[in-house]
Amino acid sequence: MNRRNALSHISLLLGSTLSAPTLLAMNRRDRHERAPGGFTLTSDQRSLVATVAELIIPKTDTPGAIEAGVPAFIEMMLQDCYLQPEHQSFVAGVEQLQQAGFLSQSTADQTETLRRLEAETKELMKAYQVQQTKMGDNEDKELMKKQATGLPFWRLMKELTLLGYFTSEAGLQASFNYVPIPGKYELVKIKSGQKVYAY
């Protein structure tokens, strides 16, 4: 399975919890459509994104986010697949962490900063969901493109970190046992610490 096919199926792995902008971005990527508008990060911003991604999925006995190429994946997805509202909210979130001196904090302080950001994002997501609902259940894609507020930074950061990791070769090999020729379909009890199967 190539990375593009894995992207289209990843929402099943994550319990179908991907946001509408991420699903639209994946759809654009699948159709080889480049999103309008440029997006770039400075080298300092790239360092911050890499640090945050590694805190979300740290290196243990399996590869971490950096080793799996997640930081480059995040920038590529934002650049190629997301629209201006998400570009703005992502950069605003990165700048907020830069102003807080995130990279100079200890690992414990960085983790605490991200926990606070997680709590703030829950409130931001409530407001974002209200905005989406006001557009109706069957949102017009053009209207969505013009919405004033993009998906909050932390939600984008977590989604893209998980997408990048679990669609990378390193992430898949670390997390799943590949079975090229599966046996009969049956319930299997997974032992503690055992990887799930991918067919």
N, C-alpha and C. Protein backbone atom coordinates (compact mmCIF):
# COMPACT_ATOMS: atom_id res chain seq x y z
N MET A 1 0.85 -1.18 0.00
CA MET A 1 0.00 0.00 0.00
C MET A 1 0.90 1.24 0.00
N ASN A 2 0.66 2.17 -0.94
CA ASN A 2 1.50 3.38 -0.95
C ASN A 2 0.95 4.41 0.02
N ARG A 3 1.72 5.48 0.20
CA ARG A 3 1.39 6.48 1.22
C ARG A 3 0.06 7.15 0.95
N ARG A 4 -0.26 7.41 -0.34
CA ARG A 4 -1.52 8.08 -0.67
C ARG A 4 -2.71 7.21 -0.29
N ASN A 5 -2.63 5.91 -0.59
CA ASN A 5 -3.71 5.00 -0.20
C ASN A 5 -3.82 4.91 1.32
N ALA A 6 -2.67 4.88 1.98
CA ALA A 6 -2.69 4.84 3.45
C ALA A 6 -3.36 6.08 4.01
N LEU A 7 -3.10 7.25 3.42
CA LEU A 7 -3.74 8.49 3.87
C LEU A 7 -5.25 8.40 3.77
N SER A 8 -5.75 7.80 2.68
CA SER A 8 -7.19 7.74 2.50
C SER A 8 -7.87 6.79 3.48
N HIS A 9 -7.09 5.87 4.07
CA HIS A 9 -7.66 4.92 5.02
C HIS A 9 -7.32 5.23 6.48
N ILE A 10 -6.49 6.25 6.70
CA ILE A 10 -5.98 6.49 8.05
C ILE A 10 -7.08 6.91 9.02
N SER A 11 -8.15 7.55 8.52
CA SER A 11 -9.20 7.97 9.45
C SER A 11 -9.86 6.78 10.13
N LEU A 12 -9.84 5.62 9.49
CA LEU A 12 -10.36 4.41 10.15
C LEU A 12 -9.48 4.03 11.33
N LEU A 13 -8.16 4.17 11.15
CA LEU A 13 -7.23 3.89 12.24
C LEU A 13 -7.45 4.83 13.41
N LEU A 14 -7.77 6.08 13.10
CA LEU A 14 -7.94 7.09 14.14
C LEU A 14 -9.39 7.18 14.61
N GLY A 15 -10.20 6.22 14.26
CA GLY A 15 -11.58 6.21 14.73
C GLY A 15 -12.44 7.24 14.03
N SER A 16 -12.14 7.55 12.75
CA SER A 16 -12.90 8.52 11.96
C SER A 16 -13.02 9.85 12.68
N THR A 17 -11.94 10.29 13.29
CA THR A 17 -11.99 11.53 14.06
C THR A 17 -11.25 12.68 13.39
N LEU A 18 -10.96 12.57 12.10
CA LEU A 18 -10.25 13.64 11.43
C LEU A 18 -11.19 14.81 11.16
N SER A 19 -10.64 16.02 11.20
CA SER A 19 -11.44 17.22 10.98
C SER A 19 -11.77 17.38 9.51
N ALA A 20 -12.80 18.18 9.23
CA ALA A 20 -13.21 18.42 7.85
C ALA A 20 -12.09 19.03 7.01
N PRO A 21 -11.33 20.04 7.50
CA PRO A 21 -10.24 20.55 6.68
C PRO A 21 -9.18 19.51 6.36
N THR A 22 -8.91 18.60 7.28
CA THR A 22 -7.92 17.56 7.02
C THR A 22 -8.45 16.56 5.99
N LEU A 23 -9.73 16.21 6.08
CA LEU A 23 -10.31 15.30 5.09
C LEU A 23 -10.30 15.94 3.70
N LEU A 24 -10.63 17.26 3.63
CA LEU A 24 -10.59 17.96 2.34
C LEU A 24 -9.15 18.04 1.81
N ALA A 25 -8.19 18.26 2.73
CA ALA A 25 -6.79 18.31 2.32
C ALA A 25 -6.34 16.97 1.75
N MET A 26 -6.74 15.88 2.39
CA MET A 26 -6.38 14.55 1.92
C MET A 26 -7.02 14.28 0.55
N ASN A 27 -8.25 14.78 0.36
CA ASN A 27 -8.94 14.62 -0.91
C ASN A 27 -8.21 15.39 -2.02
N ARG A 28 -7.78 16.62 -1.70
CA ARG A 28 -7.02 17.40 -2.68
C ARG A 28 -5.72 16.68 -3.04
N ARG A 29 -5.05 16.12 -2.03
CA ARG A 29 -3.78 15.41 -2.27
C ARG A 29 -4.02 14.19 -3.15
N ASP A 30 -5.12 13.48 -2.89
CA ASP A 30 -5.44 12.29 -3.66
C ASP A 30 -5.70 12.64 -5.13
N ARG A 31 -6.27 13.84 -5.37
CA ARG A 31 -6.57 14.27 -6.74
C ARG A 31 -5.40 15.05 -7.35
N HIS A 32 -4.28 15.11 -6.63
CA HIS A 32 -3.07 15.82 -7.09
C HIS A 32 -3.35 17.30 -7.33
N GLU A 33 -4.23 17.89 -6.52
CA GLU A 33 -4.51 19.32 -6.63
C GLU A 33 -3.70 20.06 -5.58
N ARG A 34 -2.97 21.06 -6.02
CA ARG A 34 -2.19 21.87 -5.08
C ARG A 34 -3.09 22.98 -4.55
N ALA A 35 -3.11 23.16 -3.23
CA ALA A 35 -3.93 24.21 -2.64
C ALA A 35 -3.36 25.57 -3.02
N PRO A 36 -4.25 26.56 -3.27
CA PRO A 36 -3.76 27.90 -3.62
C PRO A 36 -3.11 28.58 -2.43
N GLY A 37 -2.16 29.46 -2.72
CA GLY A 37 -1.53 30.23 -1.64
C GLY A 37 -0.30 29.53 -1.11
N GLY A 38 0.74 30.29 -0.85
CA GLY A 38 1.99 29.71 -0.37
C GLY A 38 2.01 29.54 1.14
N PHE A 39 2.81 28.60 1.56
CA PHE A 39 3.01 28.37 2.99
C PHE A 39 4.45 27.93 3.18
N THR A 40 5.18 28.64 4.03
CA THR A 40 6.54 28.23 4.35
C THR A 40 6.81 28.52 5.83
N LEU A 41 7.72 27.77 6.38
CA LEU A 41 8.16 27.98 7.75
C LEU A 41 9.62 28.42 7.73
N THR A 42 10.00 29.23 8.71
CA THR A 42 11.40 29.60 8.86
C THR A 42 12.15 28.42 9.50
N SER A 43 13.47 28.47 9.51
CA SER A 43 14.23 27.37 10.12
C SER A 43 13.94 27.27 11.62
N ASP A 44 13.75 28.40 12.30
CA ASP A 44 13.39 28.37 13.73
C ASP A 44 12.02 27.74 13.93
N GLN A 45 11.09 28.07 13.05
CA GLN A 45 9.75 27.49 13.15
C GLN A 45 9.79 25.99 12.88
N ARG A 46 10.62 25.57 11.93
CA ARG A 46 10.76 24.14 11.65
C ARG A 46 11.31 23.40 12.87
N SER A 47 12.27 24.02 13.55
CA SER A 47 12.83 23.40 14.76
C SER A 47 11.77 23.24 15.82
N LEU A 48 10.91 24.25 15.97
CA LEU A 48 9.84 24.19 16.96
C LEU A 48 8.84 23.09 16.61
N VAL A 49 8.44 23.03 15.34
CA VAL A 49 7.48 22.00 14.90
C VAL A 49 8.06 20.61 15.13
N ALA A 50 9.34 20.43 14.83
CA ALA A 50 9.99 19.13 15.04
C ALA A 50 10.01 18.76 16.52
N THR A 51 10.29 19.74 17.38
CA THR A 51 10.32 19.49 18.82
C THR A 51 8.94 19.08 19.33
N VAL A 52 7.91 19.80 18.87
CA VAL A 52 6.54 19.48 19.31
C VAL A 52 6.14 18.09 18.81
N ALA A 53 6.44 17.79 17.55
CA ALA A 53 6.10 16.47 17.00
C ALA A 53 6.78 15.36 17.78
N GLU A 54 8.05 15.58 18.16
CA GLU A 54 8.78 14.56 18.92
C GLU A 54 8.23 14.41 20.33
N LEU A 55 7.66 15.48 20.89
CA LEU A 55 7.01 15.37 22.21
C LEU A 55 5.70 14.58 22.10
N ILE A 56 5.03 14.69 20.95
CA ILE A 56 3.78 13.94 20.75
C ILE A 56 4.10 12.45 20.56
N ILE A 57 5.09 12.16 19.72
CA ILE A 57 5.52 10.76 19.50
C ILE A 57 7.03 10.69 19.70
N PRO A 58 7.46 10.49 20.95
CA PRO A 58 8.90 10.47 21.22
C PRO A 58 9.56 9.15 20.80
N LYS A 59 10.87 9.23 20.59
CA LYS A 59 11.64 8.02 20.29
C LYS A 59 11.77 7.20 21.56
N THR A 60 11.42 5.93 21.48
CA THR A 60 11.60 5.00 22.59
C THR A 60 12.36 3.81 22.01
N ASP A 61 11.83 2.62 22.15
CA ASP A 61 12.43 1.48 21.45
C ASP A 61 11.93 1.45 20.01
N THR A 62 11.03 2.37 19.66
CA THR A 62 10.55 2.54 18.29
C THR A 62 10.92 3.96 17.83
N PRO A 63 10.94 4.20 16.52
CA PRO A 63 11.31 5.54 16.03
C PRO A 63 10.33 6.61 16.53
N GLY A 64 10.85 7.81 16.74
CA GLY A 64 10.02 8.94 17.10
C GLY A 64 9.56 9.68 15.86
N ALA A 65 8.84 10.78 16.06
CA ALA A 65 8.29 11.55 14.95
C ALA A 65 9.37 12.09 14.03
N ILE A 66 10.47 12.57 14.60
CA ILE A 66 11.54 13.14 13.77
C ILE A 66 12.16 12.07 12.88
N GLU A 67 12.45 10.90 13.46
CA GLU A 67 13.06 9.81 12.69
C GLU A 67 12.13 9.32 11.59
N ALA A 68 10.82 9.44 11.80
CA ALA A 68 9.84 9.00 10.80
C ALA A 68 9.58 10.06 9.73
N GLY A 69 10.22 11.23 9.85
CA GLY A 69 10.06 12.27 8.84
C GLY A 69 8.80 13.10 8.99
N VAL A 70 8.22 13.11 10.19
CA VAL A 70 6.95 13.81 10.41
C VAL A 70 7.05 15.33 10.22
N PRO A 71 8.09 16.01 10.72
CA PRO A 71 8.13 17.47 10.54
C PRO A 71 8.05 17.90 9.07
N ALA A 72 8.79 17.23 8.20
CA ALA A 72 8.74 17.56 6.76
C ALA A 72 7.36 17.25 6.19
N PHE A 73 6.74 16.16 6.65
CA PHE A 73 5.40 15.79 6.20
C PHE A 73 4.40 16.88 6.58
N ILE A 74 4.49 17.40 7.81
CA ILE A 74 3.56 18.44 8.27
C ILE A 74 3.66 19.67 7.37
N GLU A 75 4.88 20.11 7.10
CA GLU A 75 5.05 21.30 6.27
C GLU A 75 4.56 21.04 4.85
N MET A 76 4.86 19.87 4.30
CA MET A 76 4.42 19.53 2.95
C MET A 76 2.90 19.52 2.86
N MET A 77 2.24 18.90 3.83
CA MET A 77 0.77 18.84 3.80
C MET A 77 0.16 20.24 3.89
N LEU A 78 0.67 21.06 4.80
CA LEU A 78 0.15 22.42 4.93
C LEU A 78 0.39 23.21 3.64
N GLN A 79 1.55 23.05 3.07
CA GLN A 79 1.91 23.78 1.86
C GLN A 79 1.07 23.34 0.66
N ASP A 80 0.92 22.04 0.49
CA ASP A 80 0.28 21.51 -0.72
C ASP A 80 -1.22 21.32 -0.62
N CYS A 81 -1.75 21.13 0.57
CA CYS A 81 -3.13 20.63 0.68
C CYS A 81 -4.08 21.50 1.48
N TYR A 82 -3.57 22.34 2.36
CA TYR A 82 -4.46 23.16 3.20
C TYR A 82 -4.61 24.56 2.63
N LEU A 83 -5.66 25.24 3.04
CA LEU A 83 -5.97 26.58 2.55
C LEU A 83 -5.52 27.65 3.54
N GLN A 84 -5.68 28.90 3.13
CA GLN A 84 -5.20 30.04 3.89
C GLN A 84 -5.63 30.07 5.36
N PRO A 85 -6.90 29.76 5.70
CA PRO A 85 -7.26 29.81 7.12
C PRO A 85 -6.41 28.91 8.01
N GLU A 86 -6.10 27.69 7.51
CA GLU A 86 -5.26 26.78 8.29
C GLU A 86 -3.81 27.26 8.30
N HIS A 87 -3.34 27.83 7.21
CA HIS A 87 -1.98 28.39 7.19
C HIS A 87 -1.85 29.44 8.29
N GLN A 88 -2.83 30.34 8.35
CA GLN A 88 -2.79 31.43 9.32
C GLN A 88 -2.86 30.93 10.76
N SER A 89 -3.77 29.99 11.02
CA SER A 89 -3.91 29.50 12.40
C SER A 89 -2.68 28.70 12.82
N PHE A 90 -2.08 27.95 11.89
CA PHE A 90 -0.89 27.17 12.23
C PHE A 90 0.28 28.09 12.57
N VAL A 91 0.53 29.08 11.71
CA VAL A 91 1.64 30.01 11.95
C VAL A 91 1.40 30.80 13.23
N ALA A 92 0.15 31.19 13.49
CA ALA A 92 -0.16 31.92 14.72
C ALA A 92 0.16 31.07 15.94
N GLY A 93 -0.14 29.77 15.88
CA GLY A 93 0.16 28.87 16.99
C GLY A 93 1.65 28.69 17.19
N VAL A 94 2.39 28.57 16.09
CA VAL A 94 3.85 28.45 16.17
C VAL A 94 4.44 29.72 16.79
N GLU A 95 3.95 30.87 16.33
CA GLU A 95 4.46 32.15 16.86
C GLU A 95 4.14 32.32 18.34
N GLN A 96 2.98 31.85 18.75
CA GLN A 96 2.61 31.90 20.18
C GLN A 96 3.61 31.10 21.02
N LEU A 97 3.98 29.92 20.54
CA LEU A 97 4.96 29.10 21.26
C LEU A 97 6.35 29.74 21.23
N GLN A 98 6.69 30.36 20.11
CA GLN A 98 7.99 31.05 20.03
C GLN A 98 8.05 32.19 21.05
N GLN A 99 6.96 32.96 21.15
CA GLN A 99 6.93 34.09 22.09
C GLN A 99 7.02 33.60 23.54
N ALA A 100 6.53 32.39 23.79
CA ALA A 100 6.61 31.82 25.14
C ALA A 100 7.99 31.21 25.42
N GLY A 101 8.91 31.30 24.45
CA GLY A 101 10.25 30.74 24.63
C GLY A 101 10.25 29.22 24.72
N PHE A 102 9.40 28.58 23.92
CA PHE A 102 9.18 27.13 24.01
C PHE A 102 10.48 26.33 23.87
N LEU A 103 11.31 26.67 22.89
CA LEU A 103 12.51 25.88 22.63
C LEU A 103 13.55 25.99 23.75
N SER A 104 13.48 27.05 24.54
CA SER A 104 14.44 27.21 25.64
C SER A 104 13.94 26.60 26.95
N GLN A 105 12.70 26.09 26.94
CA GLN A 105 12.13 25.48 28.15
C GLN A 105 12.68 24.06 28.34
N SER A 106 12.60 23.57 29.56
CA SER A 106 12.96 22.17 29.83
C SER A 106 11.87 21.27 29.22
N THR A 107 12.20 20.00 29.06
CA THR A 107 11.22 19.07 28.50
C THR A 107 9.95 19.02 29.34
N ALA A 108 10.09 19.06 30.67
CA ALA A 108 8.92 19.05 31.56
C ALA A 108 8.07 20.29 31.34
N ASP A 109 8.72 21.46 31.20
CA ASP A 109 7.98 22.70 30.97
C ASP A 109 7.33 22.71 29.59
N GLN A 110 8.03 22.15 28.60
CA GLN A 110 7.44 22.06 27.26
C GLN A 110 6.18 21.20 27.28
N THR A 111 6.26 20.09 28.00
CA THR A 111 5.10 19.20 28.11
C THR A 111 3.95 19.91 28.80
N GLU A 112 4.23 20.66 29.85
CA GLU A 112 3.19 21.41 30.56
C GLU A 112 2.59 22.50 29.66
N THR A 113 3.42 23.16 28.88
CA THR A 113 2.93 24.17 27.93
C THR A 113 1.97 23.54 26.93
N LEU A 114 2.32 22.36 26.43
CA LEU A 114 1.44 21.68 25.47
C LEU A 114 0.16 21.19 26.13
N ARG A 115 0.22 20.81 27.40
CA ARG A 115 -1.01 20.42 28.12
C ARG A 115 -1.96 21.60 28.24
N ARG A 116 -1.40 22.78 28.54
CA ARG A 116 -2.24 23.99 28.61
C ARG A 116 -2.82 24.32 27.24
N LEU A 117 -2.00 24.16 26.21
CA LEU A 117 -2.47 24.41 24.84
C LEU A 117 -3.59 23.45 24.47
N GLU A 118 -3.48 22.22 24.91
CA GLU A 118 -4.53 21.21 24.67
C GLU A 118 -5.85 21.65 25.30
N ALA A 119 -5.79 22.13 26.54
CA ALA A 119 -7.01 22.59 27.23
C ALA A 119 -7.61 23.80 26.53
N GLU A 120 -6.77 24.74 26.10
CA GLU A 120 -7.26 25.92 25.38
C GLU A 120 -7.89 25.52 24.05
N THR A 121 -7.29 24.54 23.39
CA THR A 121 -7.79 24.11 22.09
C THR A 121 -9.16 23.46 22.20
N LYS A 122 -9.44 22.80 23.31
CA LYS A 122 -10.77 22.21 23.49
C LYS A 122 -11.83 23.30 23.43
N GLU A 123 -11.54 24.45 24.04
CA GLU A 123 -12.48 25.57 24.00
C GLU A 123 -12.55 26.16 22.59
N LEU A 124 -11.39 26.29 21.94
CA LEU A 124 -11.38 26.81 20.57
C LEU A 124 -12.16 25.90 19.62
N MET A 125 -12.06 24.59 19.84
CA MET A 125 -12.78 23.64 18.98
C MET A 125 -14.28 23.76 19.15
N LYS A 126 -14.73 24.09 20.37
CA LYS A 126 -16.18 24.29 20.57
C LYS A 126 -16.66 25.45 19.71
N ALA A 127 -15.91 26.55 19.71
CA ALA A 127 -16.28 27.71 18.89
C ALA A 127 -16.18 27.37 17.41
N TYR A 128 -15.16 26.60 17.04
CA TYR A 128 -14.99 26.20 15.65
C TYR A 128 -16.15 25.32 15.18
N GLN A 129 -16.59 24.40 16.03
CA GLN A 129 -17.71 23.51 15.68
C GLN A 129 -19.00 24.30 15.50
N VAL A 130 -19.20 25.32 16.34
CA VAL A 130 -20.39 26.18 16.19
C VAL A 130 -20.35 26.85 14.83
N GLN A 131 -19.19 27.36 14.45
CA GLN A 131 -19.03 28.01 13.16
C GLN A 131 -19.36 27.05 12.02
N GLN A 132 -18.89 25.80 12.13
CA GLN A 132 -19.16 24.81 11.09
C GLN A 132 -20.64 24.47 11.01
N THR A 133 -21.29 24.35 12.18
CA THR A 133 -22.71 24.00 12.21
C THR A 133 -23.56 25.09 11.58
N LYS A 134 -23.16 26.35 11.79
CA LYS A 134 -23.93 27.46 11.22
C LYS A 134 -23.92 27.42 9.71
N MET A 135 -22.91 26.76 9.13
CA MET A 135 -22.86 26.65 7.68
C MET A 135 -23.82 25.57 7.18
N GLY A 136 -24.38 24.79 8.05
CA GLY A 136 -25.30 23.73 7.64
C GLY A 136 -24.60 22.38 7.63
N ASP A 137 -25.41 21.33 7.60
CA ASP A 137 -24.85 19.99 7.62
C ASP A 137 -24.10 19.65 6.33
N ASN A 138 -24.59 20.17 5.22
CA ASN A 138 -23.94 19.91 3.94
C ASN A 138 -23.19 21.17 3.51
N GLU A 139 -22.03 21.41 4.14
CA GLU A 139 -21.28 22.64 3.89
C GLU A 139 -20.90 22.75 2.42
N ASP A 140 -21.05 23.97 1.92
CA ASP A 140 -20.58 24.25 0.59
C ASP A 140 -19.05 24.39 0.64
N LYS A 141 -18.33 23.67 -0.20
CA LYS A 141 -16.87 23.67 -0.12
C LYS A 141 -16.30 25.06 -0.35
N GLU A 142 -16.93 25.83 -1.24
CA GLU A 142 -16.43 27.18 -1.49
C GLU A 142 -16.58 28.05 -0.26
N LEU A 143 -17.69 27.88 0.46
CA LEU A 143 -17.91 28.65 1.68
C LEU A 143 -16.88 28.26 2.73
N MET A 144 -16.57 26.96 2.79
CA MET A 144 -15.57 26.50 3.75
C MET A 144 -14.21 27.11 3.47
N LYS A 145 -13.89 27.26 2.19
CA LYS A 145 -12.60 27.85 1.82
C LYS A 145 -12.49 29.29 2.31
N LYS A 146 -13.63 29.97 2.37
CA LYS A 146 -13.62 31.39 2.73
C LYS A 146 -13.83 31.64 4.21
N GLN A 147 -13.98 30.57 5.00
CA GLN A 147 -14.24 30.79 6.42
C GLN A 147 -13.10 31.56 7.06
N ALA A 148 -13.44 32.41 8.00
CA ALA A 148 -12.46 33.35 8.57
C ALA A 148 -11.45 32.64 9.47
N THR A 149 -11.89 31.64 10.20
CA THR A 149 -11.04 31.00 11.19
C THR A 149 -10.68 29.59 10.76
N GLY A 150 -9.39 29.28 10.77
CA GLY A 150 -8.95 27.94 10.44
C GLY A 150 -8.99 27.03 11.65
N LEU A 151 -8.78 25.77 11.40
CA LEU A 151 -8.69 24.79 12.48
C LEU A 151 -7.58 25.21 13.43
N PRO A 152 -7.79 25.14 14.75
CA PRO A 152 -6.76 25.58 15.70
C PRO A 152 -5.42 24.85 15.50
N PHE A 153 -4.34 25.57 15.79
CA PHE A 153 -2.98 25.05 15.61
C PHE A 153 -2.79 23.67 16.24
N TRP A 154 -3.17 23.52 17.50
CA TRP A 154 -2.88 22.26 18.20
C TRP A 154 -3.61 21.08 17.57
N ARG A 155 -4.85 21.32 17.11
CA ARG A 155 -5.59 20.24 16.45
C ARG A 155 -4.88 19.84 15.15
N LEU A 156 -4.46 20.85 14.37
CA LEU A 156 -3.72 20.57 13.14
C LEU A 156 -2.43 19.82 13.45
N MET A 157 -1.71 20.29 14.46
CA MET A 157 -0.41 19.71 14.81
C MET A 157 -0.56 18.24 15.19
N LYS A 158 -1.55 17.93 16.02
CA LYS A 158 -1.75 16.54 16.45
C LYS A 158 -2.19 15.66 15.29
N GLU A 159 -3.16 16.15 14.51
CA GLU A 159 -3.65 15.35 13.38
C GLU A 159 -2.54 15.04 12.40
N LEU A 160 -1.78 16.07 12.03
CA LEU A 160 -0.73 15.86 11.03
C LEU A 160 0.43 15.04 11.57
N THR A 161 0.70 15.15 12.86
CA THR A 161 1.74 14.30 13.45
C THR A 161 1.32 12.84 13.38
N LEU A 162 0.09 12.54 13.74
CA LEU A 162 -0.40 11.16 13.68
C LEU A 162 -0.47 10.65 12.25
N LEU A 163 -0.98 11.49 11.34
CA LEU A 163 -1.05 11.09 9.93
C LEU A 163 0.35 10.80 9.39
N GLY A 164 1.27 11.73 9.66
CA GLY A 164 2.62 11.56 9.14
C GLY A 164 3.30 10.33 9.70
N TYR A 165 3.11 10.08 10.99
CA TYR A 165 3.78 8.94 11.62
C TYR A 165 3.20 7.61 11.15
N PHE A 166 1.87 7.49 11.19
CA PHE A 166 1.26 6.20 10.90
C PHE A 166 1.12 5.91 9.41
N THR A 167 1.55 6.86 8.55
CA THR A 167 1.63 6.56 7.12
C THR A 167 3.07 6.52 6.65
N SER A 168 4.02 6.65 7.59
CA SER A 168 5.44 6.51 7.23
C SER A 168 5.84 5.05 7.36
N GLU A 169 6.88 4.66 6.65
CA GLU A 169 7.36 3.28 6.74
C GLU A 169 7.81 2.95 8.16
N ALA A 170 8.53 3.90 8.78
CA ALA A 170 9.02 3.67 10.14
C ALA A 170 7.86 3.52 11.13
N GLY A 171 6.85 4.36 11.00
CA GLY A 171 5.70 4.30 11.90
C GLY A 171 4.88 3.04 11.72
N LEU A 172 4.68 2.64 10.48
CA LEU A 172 3.92 1.41 10.22
C LEU A 172 4.66 0.18 10.74
N GLN A 173 5.96 0.12 10.47
CA GLN A 173 6.73 -1.05 10.93
C GLN A 173 6.81 -1.11 12.45
N ALA A 174 6.84 0.06 13.09
CA ALA A 174 6.93 0.08 14.55
C ALA A 174 5.62 -0.27 15.22
N SER A 175 4.51 -0.06 14.51
CA SER A 175 3.20 -0.18 15.15
C SER A 175 2.38 -1.39 14.73
N PHE A 176 2.70 -1.98 13.60
CA PHE A 176 1.87 -3.07 13.08
C PHE A 176 2.71 -4.26 12.66
N ASN A 177 2.12 -5.44 12.76
CA ASN A 177 2.70 -6.65 12.17
C ASN A 177 2.05 -6.83 10.81
N TYR A 178 2.86 -6.77 9.75
CA TYR A 178 2.31 -6.93 8.41
C TYR A 178 2.13 -8.41 8.10
N VAL A 179 0.92 -8.76 7.66
CA VAL A 179 0.62 -10.14 7.31
C VAL A 179 0.24 -10.15 5.83
N PRO A 180 1.17 -10.55 4.92
CA PRO A 180 0.88 -10.46 3.48
C PRO A 180 -0.24 -11.39 3.03
N ILE A 181 -0.35 -12.57 3.64
CA ILE A 181 -1.42 -13.50 3.27
C ILE A 181 -2.16 -13.87 4.55
N PRO A 182 -3.21 -13.12 4.85
CA PRO A 182 -3.92 -13.40 6.10
C PRO A 182 -4.65 -14.73 6.04
N GLY A 183 -4.86 -15.29 7.21
CA GLY A 183 -5.62 -16.53 7.30
C GLY A 183 -7.11 -16.23 7.32
N LYS A 184 -7.88 -17.11 7.91
CA LYS A 184 -9.32 -16.90 7.96
C LYS A 184 -9.65 -15.73 8.87
N TYR A 185 -10.81 -15.13 8.62
CA TYR A 185 -11.25 -13.99 9.42
C TYR A 185 -11.76 -14.52 10.76
N GLU A 186 -11.13 -14.09 11.83
CA GLU A 186 -11.56 -14.50 13.15
C GLU A 186 -11.09 -13.49 14.18
N LEU A 187 -11.74 -13.46 15.32
CA LEU A 187 -11.33 -12.58 16.39
C LEU A 187 -10.03 -13.11 16.99
N VAL A 188 -9.09 -12.20 17.20
CA VAL A 188 -7.81 -12.58 17.77
C VAL A 188 -7.60 -11.76 19.02
N LYS A 189 -7.22 -12.43 20.09
CA LYS A 189 -6.94 -11.71 21.33
C LYS A 189 -5.50 -11.23 21.29
N ILE A 190 -5.34 -9.90 21.37
CA ILE A 190 -4.00 -9.29 21.34
C ILE A 190 -3.42 -9.33 22.75
N LYS A 191 -2.20 -9.83 22.84
CA LYS A 191 -1.52 -9.88 24.14
C LYS A 191 -0.96 -8.50 24.47
N SER A 192 -0.70 -8.25 25.72
CA SER A 192 -0.14 -6.98 26.15
C SER A 192 1.20 -6.73 25.46
N GLY A 193 1.33 -5.55 24.83
CA GLY A 193 2.55 -5.20 24.13
C GLY A 193 2.64 -5.73 22.72
N GLN A 194 1.67 -6.54 22.31
CA GLN A 194 1.69 -7.10 20.95
C GLN A 194 1.19 -6.08 19.93
N LYS A 195 1.79 -6.04 18.74
CA LYS A 195 1.35 -5.14 17.69
C LYS A 195 0.06 -5.66 17.07
N VAL A 196 -0.78 -4.73 16.59
CA VAL A 196 -1.97 -5.16 15.84
C VAL A 196 -1.54 -5.56 14.44
N TYR A 197 -2.44 -6.20 13.71
CA TYR A 197 -2.10 -6.70 12.38
C TYR A 197 -2.53 -5.73 11.30
N ALA A 198 -1.75 -5.64 10.23
CA ALA A 198 -2.10 -4.86 9.05
C ALA A 198 -1.99 -5.79 7.85
N TYR A 199 -3.05 -5.85 7.05
CA TYR A 199 -3.07 -6.76 5.89
C TYR A 199 -2.90 -5.98 4.60
